[in-house]
Amino acid sequence: MKRRTLLTAGSAALMPLPAGLAEASPGANLSPIEAAFAEWSRASRRANARDVGEEEYNRRTDIMLALEETIEAIPAQSARDLALKILAVSNRWAFAVSPEAHPTLCAEIVALAQSPGDPAARRMVTA
């Protein structure tokens, strides 16, 4: 299945994001992830525009994928950053986030869940 077909089909089932989460406010003091996510959101809209041919779509999707890799590599500074990272690398839930495909992000999630004072959380994550 072509990426365009998969993304188009997947996006129909997605819930819209709240306006404040979908794009950062212009001029706001943004974290690096918030700024990259805003750029990724713009790239996503451009890639999924109705009048885009297959070759241009693939070029624009490559830009999105590069931004997703950039976002995944930036350490989250807050829970919001982590949420934005998950939304970007999953293409707003169109794709699964797995340790095989996203080892850096999954390691960050596991590290957050494994708080030192909570053995139950450690067991849950490693089970």
PDB file of N, CA and C in Angstrom:
ATOM      1  N   MET A   1       0.850  -1.176   0.000  1.00  0.00           N
ATOM      2  CA  MET A   1       0.000   0.000   0.000  1.00  0.00           C
ATOM      3  C   MET A   1       0.895   1.238   0.000  1.00  0.00           C
ATOM      4  N   LYS A   2       0.534   2.223  -0.805  1.00  0.00           N
ATOM      5  CA  LYS A   2       1.316   3.454  -0.880  1.00  0.00           C
ATOM      6  C   LYS A   2       1.116   4.284   0.379  1.00  0.00           C
ATOM      7  N   ARG A   3       2.160   5.058   0.713  1.00  0.00           N
ATOM      8  CA  ARG A   3       2.084   5.897   1.916  1.00  0.00           C
ATOM      9  C   ARG A   3       0.891   6.842   1.848  1.00  0.00           C
ATOM     10  N   ARG A   4       0.648   7.418   0.670  1.00  0.00           N
ATOM     11  CA  ARG A   4      -0.441   8.382   0.538  1.00  0.00           C
ATOM     12  C   ARG A   4      -1.780   7.724   0.869  1.00  0.00           C
ATOM     13  N   THR A   5      -2.008   6.535   0.331  1.00  0.00           N
ATOM     14  CA  THR A   5      -3.259   5.820   0.592  1.00  0.00           C
ATOM     15  C   THR A   5      -3.400   5.521   2.076  1.00  0.00           C
ATOM     16  N   LEU A   6      -2.333   5.046   2.675  1.00  0.00           N
ATOM     17  CA  LEU A   6      -2.363   4.707   4.098  1.00  0.00           C
ATOM     18  C   LEU A   6      -2.609   5.935   4.958  1.00  0.00           C
ATOM     19  N   LEU A   7      -1.903   7.013   4.667  1.00  0.00           N
ATOM     20  CA  LEU A   7      -2.066   8.225   5.466  1.00  0.00           C
ATOM     21  C   LEU A   7      -3.447   8.835   5.280  1.00  0.00           C
ATOM     22  N   THR A   8      -3.949   8.817   4.042  1.00  0.00           N
ATOM     23  CA  THR A   8      -5.273   9.380   3.792  1.00  0.00           C
ATOM     24  C   THR A   8      -6.340   8.576   4.524  1.00  0.00           C
ATOM     25  N   ALA A   9      -6.245   7.260   4.453  1.00  0.00           N
ATOM     26  CA  ALA A   9      -7.220   6.414   5.139  1.00  0.00           C
ATOM     27  C   ALA A   9      -7.114   6.577   6.642  1.00  0.00           C
ATOM     28  N   GLY A  10      -5.900   6.638   7.154  1.00  0.00           N
ATOM     29  CA  GLY A  10      -5.697   6.761   8.590  1.00  0.00           C
ATOM     30  C   GLY A  10      -6.158   8.083   9.144  1.00  0.00           C
ATOM     31  N   SER A  11      -5.963   9.154   8.388  1.00  0.00           N
ATOM     32  CA  SER A  11      -6.308  10.471   8.909  1.00  0.00           C
ATOM     33  C   SER A  11      -7.808  10.673   9.028  1.00  0.00           C
ATOM     34  N   ALA A  12      -8.603   9.922   8.284  1.00  0.00           N
ATOM     35  CA  ALA A  12     -10.051  10.078   8.363  1.00  0.00           C
ATOM     36  C   ALA A  12     -10.585   9.658   9.727  1.00  0.00           C
ATOM     37  N   ALA A  13      -9.904   8.720  10.353  1.00  0.00           N
ATOM     38  CA  ALA A  13     -10.373   8.207  11.643  1.00  0.00           C
ATOM     39  C   ALA A  13      -9.798   8.965  12.831  1.00  0.00           C
ATOM     40  N   LEU A  14      -8.944   9.907  12.576  1.00  0.00           N
ATOM     41  CA  LEU A  14      -8.289  10.605  13.673  1.00  0.00           C
ATOM     42  C   LEU A  14      -9.179  11.678  14.275  1.00  0.00           C
ATOM     43  N   MET A  15      -9.038  11.846  15.571  1.00  0.00           N
ATOM     44  CA  MET A  15      -9.757  12.920  16.243  1.00  0.00           C
ATOM     45  C   MET A  15      -8.969  14.207  16.078  1.00  0.00           C
ATOM     46  N   PRO A  16      -9.649  15.331  15.878  1.00  0.00           N
ATOM     47  CA  PRO A  16      -8.908  16.591  15.764  1.00  0.00           C
ATOM     48  C   PRO A  16      -8.253  16.948  17.092  1.00  0.00           C
ATOM     49  N   LEU A  17      -7.118  17.603  16.998  1.00  0.00           N
ATOM     50  CA  LEU A  17      -6.413  18.047  18.196  1.00  0.00           C
ATOM     51  C   LEU A  17      -6.969  19.375  18.665  1.00  0.00           C
ATOM     52  N   PRO A  18      -6.932  19.636  19.957  1.00  0.00           N
ATOM     53  CA  PRO A  18      -7.301  20.965  20.433  1.00  0.00           C
ATOM     54  C   PRO A  18      -6.396  22.007  19.786  1.00  0.00           C
ATOM     55  N   ALA A  19      -6.941  23.179  19.510  1.00  0.00           N
ATOM     56  CA  ALA A  19      -6.196  24.218  18.800  1.00  0.00           C
ATOM     57  C   ALA A  19      -4.869  24.529  19.477  1.00  0.00           C
ATOM     58  N   GLY A  20      -4.829  24.572  20.776  1.00  0.00           N
ATOM     59  CA  GLY A  20      -3.598  24.899  21.484  1.00  0.00           C
ATOM     60  C   GLY A  20      -2.533  23.828  21.361  1.00  0.00           C
ATOM     61  N   LEU A  21      -2.936  22.586  21.119  1.00  0.00           N
ATOM     62  CA  LEU A  21      -1.976  21.505  20.987  1.00  0.00           C
ATOM     63  C   LEU A  21      -1.524  21.342  19.547  1.00  0.00           C
ATOM     64  N   ALA A  22      -2.413  21.617  18.614  1.00  0.00           N
ATOM     65  CA  ALA A  22      -2.089  21.403  17.208  1.00  0.00           C
ATOM     66  C   ALA A  22      -0.979  22.317  16.730  1.00  0.00           C
ATOM     67  N   GLU A  23      -0.984  23.554  17.166  1.00  0.00           N
ATOM     68  CA  GLU A  23       0.041  24.500  16.739  1.00  0.00           C
ATOM     69  C   GLU A  23       0.380  25.431  17.876  1.00  0.00           C
ATOM     70  N   ALA A  24       1.623  25.719  17.988  1.00  0.00           N
ATOM     71  CA  ALA A  24       2.058  26.662  19.016  1.00  0.00           C
ATOM     72  C   ALA A  24       1.697  28.076  18.593  1.00  0.00           C
ATOM     73  N   SER A  25       1.448  28.924  19.552  1.00  0.00           N
ATOM     74  CA  SER A  25       1.121  30.322  19.272  1.00  0.00           C
ATOM     75  C   SER A  25       2.343  31.040  18.727  1.00  0.00           C
ATOM     76  N   PRO A  26       2.150  31.846  17.675  1.00  0.00           N
ATOM     77  CA  PRO A  26       3.291  32.586  17.142  1.00  0.00           C
ATOM     78  C   PRO A  26       3.885  33.500  18.212  1.00  0.00           C
ATOM     79  N   GLY A  27       5.189  33.544  18.268  1.00  0.00           N
ATOM     80  CA  GLY A  27       5.866  34.438  19.200  1.00  0.00           C
ATOM     81  C   GLY A  27       5.948  33.922  20.620  1.00  0.00           C
ATOM     82  N   ALA A  28       5.366  32.766  20.899  1.00  0.00           N
ATOM     83  CA  ALA A  28       5.399  32.221  22.260  1.00  0.00           C
ATOM     84  C   ALA A  28       6.805  31.706  22.565  1.00  0.00           C
ATOM     85  N   ASN A  29       7.112  31.582  23.845  1.00  0.00           N
ATOM     86  CA  ASN A  29       8.384  31.014  24.269  1.00  0.00           C
ATOM     87  C   ASN A  29       8.256  29.495  24.157  1.00  0.00           C
ATOM     88  N   LEU A  30       8.715  28.931  23.048  1.00  0.00           N
ATOM     89  CA  LEU A  30       8.492  27.526  22.742  1.00  0.00           C
ATOM     90  C   LEU A  30       9.687  26.667  23.128  1.00  0.00           C
ATOM     91  N   SER A  31       9.387  25.452  23.541  1.00  0.00           N
ATOM     92  CA  SER A  31      10.459  24.477  23.715  1.00  0.00           C
ATOM     93  C   SER A  31      10.912  24.054  22.316  1.00  0.00           C
ATOM     94  N   PRO A  32      12.086  23.450  22.203  1.00  0.00           N
ATOM     95  CA  PRO A  32      12.526  22.978  20.886  1.00  0.00           C
ATOM     96  C   PRO A  32      11.537  21.996  20.249  1.00  0.00           C
ATOM     97  N   ILE A  33      10.910  21.155  21.065  1.00  0.00           N
ATOM     98  CA  ILE A  33       9.936  20.204  20.524  1.00  0.00           C
ATOM     99  C   ILE A  33       8.681  20.925  20.059  1.00  0.00           C
ATOM    100  N   GLU A  34       8.202  21.904  20.824  1.00  0.00           N
ATOM    101  CA  GLU A  34       7.020  22.662  20.398  1.00  0.00           C
ATOM    102  C   GLU A  34       7.271  23.361  19.065  1.00  0.00           C
ATOM    103  N   ALA A  35       8.443  23.955  18.907  1.00  0.00           N
ATOM    104  CA  ALA A  35       8.773  24.638  17.654  1.00  0.00           C
ATOM    105  C   ALA A  35       8.853  23.643  16.497  1.00  0.00           C
ATOM    106  N   ALA A  36       9.506  22.506  16.724  1.00  0.00           N
ATOM    107  CA  ALA A  36       9.620  21.492  15.675  1.00  0.00           C
ATOM    108  C   ALA A  36       8.258  20.888  15.353  1.00  0.00           C
ATOM    109  N   PHE A  37       7.403  20.708  16.375  1.00  0.00           N
ATOM    110  CA  PHE A  37       6.071  20.161  16.134  1.00  0.00           C
ATOM    111  C   PHE A  37       5.229  21.123  15.303  1.00  0.00           C
ATOM    112  N   ALA A  38       5.340  22.415  15.565  1.00  0.00           N
ATOM    113  CA  ALA A  38       4.605  23.399  14.766  1.00  0.00           C
ATOM    114  C   ALA A  38       5.049  23.319  13.306  1.00  0.00           C
ATOM    115  N   GLU A  39       6.346  23.176  13.087  1.00  0.00           N
ATOM    116  CA  GLU A  39       6.866  23.034  11.719  1.00  0.00           C
ATOM    117  C   GLU A  39       6.374  21.726  11.099  1.00  0.00           C
ATOM    118  N   TRP A  40       6.379  20.638  11.881  1.00  0.00           N
ATOM    119  CA  TRP A  40       5.886  19.349  11.400  1.00  0.00           C
ATOM    120  C   TRP A  40       4.403  19.438  11.029  1.00  0.00           C
ATOM    121  N   SER A  41       3.607  20.132  11.834  1.00  0.00           N
ATOM    122  CA  SER A  41       2.176  20.285  11.540  1.00  0.00           C
ATOM    123  C   SER A  41       1.969  21.002  10.210  1.00  0.00           C
ATOM    124  N   ARG A  42       2.759  22.054   9.979  1.00  0.00           N
ATOM    125  CA  ARG A  42       2.665  22.767   8.695  1.00  0.00           C
ATOM    126  C   ARG A  42       3.070  21.846   7.544  1.00  0.00           C
ATOM    127  N   ALA A  43       4.132  21.083   7.725  1.00  0.00           N
ATOM    128  CA  ALA A  43       4.579  20.149   6.686  1.00  0.00           C
ATOM    129  C   ALA A  43       3.514  19.083   6.421  1.00  0.00           C
ATOM    130  N   SER A  44       2.846  18.629   7.469  1.00  0.00           N
ATOM    131  CA  SER A  44       1.785  17.638   7.328  1.00  0.00           C
ATOM    132  C   SER A  44       0.627  18.186   6.496  1.00  0.00           C
ATOM    133  N   ARG A  45       0.236  19.421   6.789  1.00  0.00           N
ATOM    134  CA  ARG A  45      -0.848  20.036   6.000  1.00  0.00           C
ATOM    135  C   ARG A  45      -0.442  20.186   4.536  1.00  0.00           C
ATOM    136  N   ARG A  46       0.800  20.599   4.292  1.00  0.00           N
ATOM    137  CA  ARG A  46       1.266  20.760   2.907  1.00  0.00           C
ATOM    138  C   ARG A  46       1.309  19.405   2.197  1.00  0.00           C
ATOM    139  N   ALA A  47       1.777  18.374   2.867  1.00  0.00           N
ATOM    140  CA  ALA A  47       1.875  17.045   2.252  1.00  0.00           C
ATOM    141  C   ALA A  47       0.502  16.479   1.921  1.00  0.00           C
ATOM    142  N   ASN A  48      -0.479  16.776   2.741  1.00  0.00           N
ATOM    143  CA  ASN A  48      -1.809  16.201   2.557  1.00  0.00           C
ATOM    144  C   ASN A  48      -2.778  17.119   1.830  1.00  0.00           C
ATOM    145  N   ALA A  49      -2.266  18.179   1.215  1.00  0.00           N
ATOM    146  CA  ALA A  49      -3.129  19.062   0.425  1.00  0.00           C
ATOM    147  C   ALA A  49      -3.720  18.260  -0.738  1.00  0.00           C
ATOM    148  N   ARG A  50      -4.942  18.565  -1.091  1.00  0.00           N
ATOM    149  CA  ARG A  50      -5.659  17.790  -2.109  1.00  0.00           C
ATOM    150  C   ARG A  50      -5.038  17.876  -3.506  1.00  0.00           C
ATOM    151  N   ASP A  51      -4.428  18.973  -3.847  1.00  0.00           N
ATOM    152  CA  ASP A  51      -3.937  19.172  -5.211  1.00  0.00           C
ATOM    153  C   ASP A  51      -2.482  18.749  -5.414  1.00  0.00           C
ATOM    154  N   VAL A  52      -1.951  17.931  -4.536  1.00  0.00           N
ATOM    155  CA  VAL A  52      -0.548  17.531  -4.604  1.00  0.00           C
ATOM    156  C   VAL A  52      -0.427  16.226  -5.388  1.00  0.00           C
ATOM    157  N   GLY A  53       0.464  16.223  -6.389  1.00  0.00           N
ATOM    158  CA  GLY A  53       0.728  15.004  -7.148  1.00  0.00           C
ATOM    159  C   GLY A  53       1.571  14.029  -6.343  1.00  0.00           C
ATOM    160  N   GLU A  54       1.680  12.813  -6.853  1.00  0.00           N
ATOM    161  CA  GLU A  54       2.383  11.747  -6.123  1.00  0.00           C
ATOM    162  C   GLU A  54       3.850  12.089  -5.864  1.00  0.00           C
ATOM    163  N   GLU A  55       4.545  12.600  -6.860  1.00  0.00           N
ATOM    164  CA  GLU A  55       5.965  12.927  -6.689  1.00  0.00           C
ATOM    165  C   GLU A  55       6.157  14.037  -5.652  1.00  0.00           C
ATOM    166  N   GLU A  56       5.340  15.066  -5.739  1.00  0.00           N
ATOM    167  CA  GLU A  56       5.437  16.168  -4.771  1.00  0.00           C
ATOM    168  C   GLU A  56       5.018  15.696  -3.383  1.00  0.00           C
ATOM    169  N   TYR A  57       4.002  14.839  -3.333  1.00  0.00           N
ATOM    170  CA  TYR A  57       3.574  14.279  -2.049  1.00  0.00           C
ATOM    171  C   TYR A  57       4.732  13.528  -1.386  1.00  0.00           C
ATOM    172  N   ASN A  58       5.426  12.696  -2.169  1.00  0.00           N
ATOM    173  CA  ASN A  58       6.557  11.934  -1.620  1.00  0.00           C
ATOM    174  C   ASN A  58       7.657  12.863  -1.119  1.00  0.00           C
ATOM    175  N   ARG A  59       7.945  13.936  -1.856  1.00  0.00           N
ATOM    176  CA  ARG A  59       8.955  14.902  -1.424  1.00  0.00           C
ATOM    177  C   ARG A  59       8.535  15.549  -0.108  1.00  0.00           C
ATOM    178  N   ARG A  60       7.275  15.956  -0.021  1.00  0.00           N
ATOM    179  CA  ARG A  60       6.777  16.605   1.195  1.00  0.00           C
ATOM    180  C   ARG A  60       6.727  15.634   2.370  1.00  0.00           C
ATOM    181  N   THR A  61       6.391  14.385   2.095  1.00  0.00           N
ATOM    182  CA  THR A  61       6.368  13.376   3.150  1.00  0.00           C
ATOM    183  C   THR A  61       7.777  13.114   3.676  1.00  0.00           C
ATOM    184  N   ASP A  62       8.758  13.142   2.779  1.00  0.00           N
ATOM    185  CA  ASP A  62      10.149  12.989   3.226  1.00  0.00           C
ATOM    186  C   ASP A  62      10.530  14.101   4.202  1.00  0.00           C
ATOM    187  N   ILE A  63      10.043  15.311   3.958  1.00  0.00           N
ATOM    188  CA  ILE A  63      10.292  16.432   4.875  1.00  0.00           C
ATOM    189  C   ILE A  63       9.652  16.138   6.233  1.00  0.00           C
ATOM    190  N   MET A  64       8.405  15.643   6.206  1.00  0.00           N
ATOM    191  CA  MET A  64       7.725  15.280   7.456  1.00  0.00           C
ATOM    192  C   MET A  64       8.516  14.226   8.227  1.00  0.00           C
ATOM    193  N   LEU A  65       8.976  13.201   7.517  1.00  0.00           N
ATOM    194  CA  LEU A  65       9.714  12.118   8.177  1.00  0.00           C
ATOM    195  C   LEU A  65      11.012  12.629   8.793  1.00  0.00           C
ATOM    196  N   ALA A  66      11.693  13.534   8.103  1.00  0.00           N
ATOM    197  CA  ALA A  66      12.920  14.120   8.661  1.00  0.00           C
ATOM    198  C   ALA A  66      12.601  14.912   9.926  1.00  0.00           C
ATOM    199  N   LEU A  67      11.486  15.643   9.911  1.00  0.00           N
ATOM    200  CA  LEU A  67      11.079  16.398  11.100  1.00  0.00           C
ATOM    201  C   LEU A  67      10.713  15.453  12.241  1.00  0.00           C
ATOM    202  N   GLU A  68      10.061  14.330  11.928  1.00  0.00           N
ATOM    203  CA  GLU A  68       9.723  13.350  12.958  1.00  0.00           C
ATOM    204  C   GLU A  68      10.992  12.814  13.620  1.00  0.00           C
ATOM    205  N   GLU A  69      12.013  12.525  12.821  1.00  0.00           N
ATOM    206  CA  GLU A  69      13.280  12.041  13.377  1.00  0.00           C
ATOM    207  C   GLU A  69      13.936  13.108  14.250  1.00  0.00           C
ATOM    208  N   THR A  70      13.854  14.355  13.808  1.00  0.00           N
ATOM    209  CA  THR A  70      14.405  15.463  14.595  1.00  0.00           C
ATOM    210  C   THR A  70      13.681  15.574  15.927  1.00  0.00           C
ATOM    211  N   ILE A  71      12.352  15.531  15.883  1.00  0.00           N
ATOM    212  CA  ILE A  71      11.539  15.643  17.096  1.00  0.00           C
ATOM    213  C   ILE A  71      11.857  14.495  18.052  1.00  0.00           C
ATOM    214  N   GLU A  72      11.969  13.291  17.516  1.00  0.00           N
ATOM    215  CA  GLU A  72      12.243  12.136  18.379  1.00  0.00           C
ATOM    216  C   GLU A  72      13.598  12.260  19.075  1.00  0.00           C
ATOM    217  N   ALA A  73      14.562  12.883  18.423  1.00  0.00           N
ATOM    218  CA  ALA A  73      15.915  12.989  18.982  1.00  0.00           C
ATOM    219  C   ALA A  73      16.045  14.055  20.066  1.00  0.00           C
ATOM    220  N   ILE A  74      15.109  14.990  20.139  1.00  0.00           N
ATOM    221  CA  ILE A  74      15.179  16.076  21.122  1.00  0.00           C
ATOM    222  C   ILE A  74      14.629  15.575  22.460  1.00  0.00           C
ATOM    223  N   PRO A  75      15.368  15.692  23.547  1.00  0.00           N
ATOM    224  CA  PRO A  75      14.842  15.265  24.850  1.00  0.00           C
ATOM    225  C   PRO A  75      13.635  16.121  25.271  1.00  0.00           C
ATOM    226  N   ALA A  76      12.595  15.459  25.745  1.00  0.00           N
ATOM    227  CA  ALA A  76      11.400  16.168  26.214  1.00  0.00           C
ATOM    228  C   ALA A  76      11.716  16.932  27.488  1.00  0.00           C
ATOM    229  N   GLN A  77      11.204  18.154  27.574  1.00  0.00           N
ATOM    230  CA  GLN A  77      11.383  18.985  28.765  1.00  0.00           C
ATOM    231  C   GLN A  77      10.133  18.991  29.644  1.00  0.00           C
ATOM    232  N   SER A  78       9.042  18.418  29.127  1.00  0.00           N
ATOM    233  CA  SER A  78       7.775  18.426  29.866  1.00  0.00           C
ATOM    234  C   SER A  78       6.892  17.296  29.344  1.00  0.00           C
ATOM    235  N   ALA A  79       5.796  17.055  30.052  1.00  0.00           N
ATOM    236  CA  ALA A  79       4.822  16.067  29.591  1.00  0.00           C
ATOM    237  C   ALA A  79       4.229  16.492  28.251  1.00  0.00           C
ATOM    238  N   ARG A  80       4.025  17.795  28.070  1.00  0.00           N
ATOM    239  CA  ARG A  80       3.515  18.301  26.780  1.00  0.00           C
ATOM    240  C   ARG A  80       4.486  17.956  25.653  1.00  0.00           C
ATOM    241  N   ASP A  81       5.783  18.162  25.883  1.00  0.00           N
ATOM    242  CA  ASP A  81       6.784  17.796  24.880  1.00  0.00           C
ATOM    243  C   ASP A  81       6.668  16.317  24.526  1.00  0.00           C
ATOM    244  N   LEU A  82       6.546  15.469  25.539  1.00  0.00           N
ATOM    245  CA  LEU A  82       6.440  14.035  25.292  1.00  0.00           C
ATOM    246  C   LEU A  82       5.185  13.720  24.476  1.00  0.00           C
ATOM    247  N   ALA A  83       4.068  14.364  24.813  1.00  0.00           N
ATOM    248  CA  ALA A  83       2.833  14.154  24.052  1.00  0.00           C
ATOM    249  C   ALA A  83       3.006  14.582  22.596  1.00  0.00           C
ATOM    250  N   LEU A  84       3.645  15.724  22.375  1.00  0.00           N
ATOM    251  CA  LEU A  84       3.870  16.196  21.007  1.00  0.00           C
ATOM    252  C   LEU A  84       4.778  15.239  20.241  1.00  0.00           C
ATOM    253  N   LYS A  85       5.793  14.704  20.916  1.00  0.00           N
ATOM    254  CA  LYS A  85       6.681  13.732  20.276  1.00  0.00           C
ATOM    255  C   LYS A  85       5.890  12.509  19.826  1.00  0.00           C
ATOM    256  N   ILE A  86       5.038  12.004  20.698  1.00  0.00           N
ATOM    257  CA  ILE A  86       4.247  10.817  20.365  1.00  0.00           C
ATOM    258  C   ILE A  86       3.313  11.114  19.200  1.00  0.00           C
ATOM    259  N   LEU A  87       2.664  12.270  19.220  1.00  0.00           N
ATOM    260  CA  LEU A  87       1.768  12.631  18.120  1.00  0.00           C
ATOM    261  C   LEU A  87       2.511  12.731  16.795  1.00  0.00           C
ATOM    262  N   ALA A  88       3.699  13.297  16.805  1.00  0.00           N
ATOM    263  CA  ALA A  88       4.452  13.449  15.555  1.00  0.00           C
ATOM    264  C   ALA A  88       4.950  12.104  15.030  1.00  0.00           C
ATOM    265  N   VAL A  89       5.624  11.321  15.874  1.00  0.00           N
ATOM    266  CA  VAL A  89       6.201  10.073  15.361  1.00  0.00           C
ATOM    267  C   VAL A  89       5.133   9.042  15.007  1.00  0.00           C
ATOM    268  N   SER A  90       3.942   9.160  15.575  1.00  0.00           N
ATOM    269  CA  SER A  90       2.841   8.260  15.208  1.00  0.00           C
ATOM    270  C   SER A  90       1.989   8.848  14.084  1.00  0.00           C
ATOM    271  N   ASN A  91       2.363  10.028  13.608  1.00  0.00           N
ATOM    272  CA  ASN A  91       1.588  10.755  12.601  1.00  0.00           C
ATOM    273  C   ASN A  91       0.138  10.881  13.058  1.00  0.00           C
ATOM    274  N   ARG A  92      -0.010  11.430  14.251  1.00  0.00           N
ATOM    275  CA  ARG A  92      -1.321  11.622  14.887  1.00  0.00           C
ATOM    276  C   ARG A  92      -2.111  10.314  14.950  1.00  0.00           C
ATOM    277  N   TRP A  93      -1.454   9.278  15.461  1.00  0.00           N
ATOM    278  CA  TRP A  93      -2.018   7.959  15.737  1.00  0.00           C
ATOM    279  C   TRP A  93      -2.236   7.109  14.489  1.00  0.00           C
ATOM    280  N   ALA A  94      -1.731   7.508  13.325  1.00  0.00           N
ATOM    281  CA  ALA A  94      -1.873   6.689  12.122  1.00  0.00           C
ATOM    282  C   ALA A  94      -0.963   5.462  12.179  1.00  0.00           C
ATOM    283  N   PHE A  95       0.140   5.564  12.931  1.00  0.00           N
ATOM    284  CA  PHE A  95       1.104   4.473  13.028  1.00  0.00           C
ATOM    285  C   PHE A  95       1.395   4.173  14.493  1.00  0.00           C
ATOM    286  N   ALA A  96       1.763   2.928  14.748  1.00  0.00           N
ATOM    287  CA  ALA A  96       2.093   2.520  16.113  1.00  0.00           C
ATOM    288  C   ALA A  96       3.468   3.048  16.513  1.00  0.00           C
ATOM    289  N   VAL A  97       3.625   3.297  17.790  1.00  0.00           N
ATOM    290  CA  VAL A  97       4.926   3.636  18.357  1.00  0.00           C
ATOM    291  C   VAL A  97       5.432   2.363  19.025  1.00  0.00           C
ATOM    292  N   SER A  98       6.574   1.869  18.564  1.00  0.00           N
ATOM    293  CA  SER A  98       7.114   0.627  19.122  1.00  0.00           C
ATOM    294  C   SER A  98       8.600   0.787  19.412  1.00  0.00           C
ATOM    295  N   PRO A  99       9.123  -0.027  20.327  1.00  0.00           N
ATOM    296  CA  PRO A  99      10.561   0.051  20.623  1.00  0.00           C
ATOM    297  C   PRO A  99      11.430  -0.243  19.401  1.00  0.00           C
ATOM    298  N   GLU A 100      10.942  -1.084  18.503  1.00  0.00           N
ATOM    299  CA  GLU A 100      11.713  -1.409  17.306  1.00  0.00           C
ATOM    300  C   GLU A 100      11.794  -0.213  16.362  1.00  0.00           C
ATOM    301  N   ALA A 101      10.695   0.478  16.163  1.00  0.00           N
ATOM    302  CA  ALA A 101      10.653   1.605  15.224  1.00  0.00           C
ATOM    303  C   ALA A 101      11.108   2.913  15.858  1.00  0.00           C
ATOM    304  N   HIS A 102      10.897   3.067  17.159  1.00  0.00           N
ATOM    305  CA  HIS A 102      11.176   4.337  17.846  1.00  0.00           C
ATOM    306  C   HIS A 102      11.906   4.088  19.165  1.00  0.00           C
ATOM    307  N   PRO A 103      13.115   3.546  19.121  1.00  0.00           N
ATOM    308  CA  PRO A 103      13.803   3.184  20.365  1.00  0.00           C
ATOM    309  C   PRO A 103      14.081   4.366  21.287  1.00  0.00           C
ATOM    310  N   THR A 104      14.423   5.513  20.732  1.00  0.00           N
ATOM    311  CA  THR A 104      14.737   6.680  21.565  1.00  0.00           C
ATOM    312  C   THR A 104      13.503   7.149  22.320  1.00  0.00           C
ATOM    313  N   LEU A 105      12.393   7.278  21.619  1.00  0.00           N
ATOM    314  CA  LEU A 105      11.154   7.730  22.249  1.00  0.00           C
ATOM    315  C   LEU A 105      10.683   6.720  23.290  1.00  0.00           C
ATOM    316  N   CYS A 106      10.710   5.446  22.944  1.00  0.00           N
ATOM    317  CA  CYS A 106      10.252   4.429  23.894  1.00  0.00           C
ATOM    318  C   CYS A 106      11.139   4.380  25.133  1.00  0.00           C
ATOM    319  N   ALA A 107      12.433   4.567  24.962  1.00  0.00           N
ATOM    320  CA  ALA A 107      13.335   4.603  26.121  1.00  0.00           C
ATOM    321  C   ALA A 107      13.003   5.792  27.014  1.00  0.00           C
ATOM    322  N   GLU A 108      12.659   6.912  26.409  1.00  0.00           N
ATOM    323  CA  GLU A 108      12.289   8.099  27.186  1.00  0.00           C
ATOM    324  C   GLU A 108      10.992   7.855  27.967  1.00  0.00           C
ATOM    325  N   ILE A 109      10.033   7.197  27.337  1.00  0.00           N
ATOM    326  CA  ILE A 109       8.762   6.886  28.000  1.00  0.00           C
ATOM    327  C   ILE A 109       9.001   5.922  29.159  1.00  0.00           C
ATOM    328  N   VAL A 110       9.798   4.876  28.924  1.00  0.00           N
ATOM    329  CA  VAL A 110      10.093   3.895  29.973  1.00  0.00           C
ATOM    330  C   VAL A 110      10.826   4.560  31.131  1.00  0.00           C
ATOM    331  N   ALA A 111      11.789   5.414  30.830  1.00  0.00           N
ATOM    332  CA  ALA A 111      12.530   6.107  31.892  1.00  0.00           C
ATOM    333  C   ALA A 111      11.596   6.964  32.738  1.00  0.00           C
ATOM    334  N   LEU A 112      10.638   7.607  32.113  1.00  0.00           N
ATOM    335  CA  LEU A 112       9.673   8.424  32.841  1.00  0.00           C
ATOM    336  C   LEU A 112       8.785   7.549  33.726  1.00  0.00           C
ATOM    337  N   ALA A 113       8.383   6.391  33.210  1.00  0.00           N
ATOM    338  CA  ALA A 113       7.502   5.496  33.969  1.00  0.00           C
ATOM    339  C   ALA A 113       8.236   4.797  35.109  1.00  0.00           C
ATOM    340  N   GLN A 114       9.535   4.645  34.992  1.00  0.00           N
ATOM    341  CA  GLN A 114      10.311   3.932  36.010  1.00  0.00           C
ATOM    342  C   GLN A 114      10.835   4.884  37.070  1.00  0.00           C
ATOM    343  N   SER A 115       9.925   5.447  37.823  1.00  0.00           N
ATOM    344  CA  SER A 115      10.381   6.329  38.895  1.00  0.00           C
ATOM    345  C   SER A 115      11.066   5.484  39.965  1.00  0.00           C
ATOM    346  N   PRO A 116      12.167   5.972  40.549  1.00  0.00           N
ATOM    347  CA  PRO A 116      12.952   5.181  41.498  1.00  0.00           C
ATOM    348  C   PRO A 116      12.171   4.709  42.716  1.00  0.00           C
ATOM    349  N   GLY A 117      11.196   5.464  43.175  1.00  0.00           N
ATOM    350  CA  GLY A 117      10.476   5.093  44.385  1.00  0.00           C
ATOM    351  C   GLY A 117       9.251   4.247  44.140  1.00  0.00           C
ATOM    352  N   ASP A 118       9.035   3.799  42.913  1.00  0.00           N
ATOM    353  CA  ASP A 118       7.811   3.072  42.605  1.00  0.00           C
ATOM    354  C   ASP A 118       8.128   1.731  41.941  1.00  0.00           C
ATOM    355  N   PRO A 119       8.359   0.672  42.741  1.00  0.00           N
ATOM    356  CA  PRO A 119       8.683  -0.629  42.159  1.00  0.00           C
ATOM    357  C   PRO A 119       7.555  -1.189  41.301  1.00  0.00           C
ATOM    358  N   ALA A 120       6.308  -0.843  41.608  1.00  0.00           N
ATOM    359  CA  ALA A 120       5.186  -1.325  40.794  1.00  0.00           C
ATOM    360  C   ALA A 120       5.288  -0.782  39.372  1.00  0.00           C
ATOM    361  N   ALA A 121       5.683   0.468  39.228  1.00  0.00           N
ATOM    362  CA  ALA A 121       5.836   1.053  37.893  1.00  0.00           C
ATOM    363  C   ALA A 121       6.953   0.348  37.136  1.00  0.00           C
ATOM    364  N   ARG A 122       8.044   0.027  37.819  1.00  0.00           N
ATOM    365  CA  ARG A 122       9.148  -0.685  37.161  1.00  0.00           C
ATOM    366  C   ARG A 122       8.683  -2.055  36.675  1.00  0.00           C
ATOM    367  N   ARG A 123       7.935  -2.768  37.506  1.00  0.00           N
ATOM    368  CA  ARG A 123       7.436  -4.092  37.099  1.00  0.00           C
ATOM    369  C   ARG A 123       6.494  -3.965  35.919  1.00  0.00           C
ATOM    370  N   MET A 124       5.637  -2.950  35.925  1.00  0.00           N
ATOM    371  CA  MET A 124       4.676  -2.764  34.847  1.00  0.00           C
ATOM    372  C   MET A 124       5.400  -2.529  33.525  1.00  0.00           C
ATOM    373  N   VAL A 125       6.440  -1.730  33.537  1.00  0.00           N
ATOM    374  CA  VAL A 125       7.151  -1.378  32.315  1.00  0.00           C
ATOM    375  C   VAL A 125       7.987  -2.539  31.805  1.00  0.00           C
ATOM    376  N   THR A 126       8.570  -3.318  32.693  1.00  0.00           N
ATOM    377  CA  THR A 126       9.456  -4.400  32.270  1.00  0.00           C
ATOM    378  C   THR A 126       8.727  -5.719  32.074  1.00  0.00           C
ATOM    379  N   ALA A 127       7.467  -5.800  32.439  1.00  0.00           N
ATOM    380  CA  ALA A 127       6.713  -7.058  32.322  1.00  0.00           C
ATOM    381  C   ALA A 127       6.478  -7.441  30.885  1.00  0.00           C
TER     382      ALA A 127
END
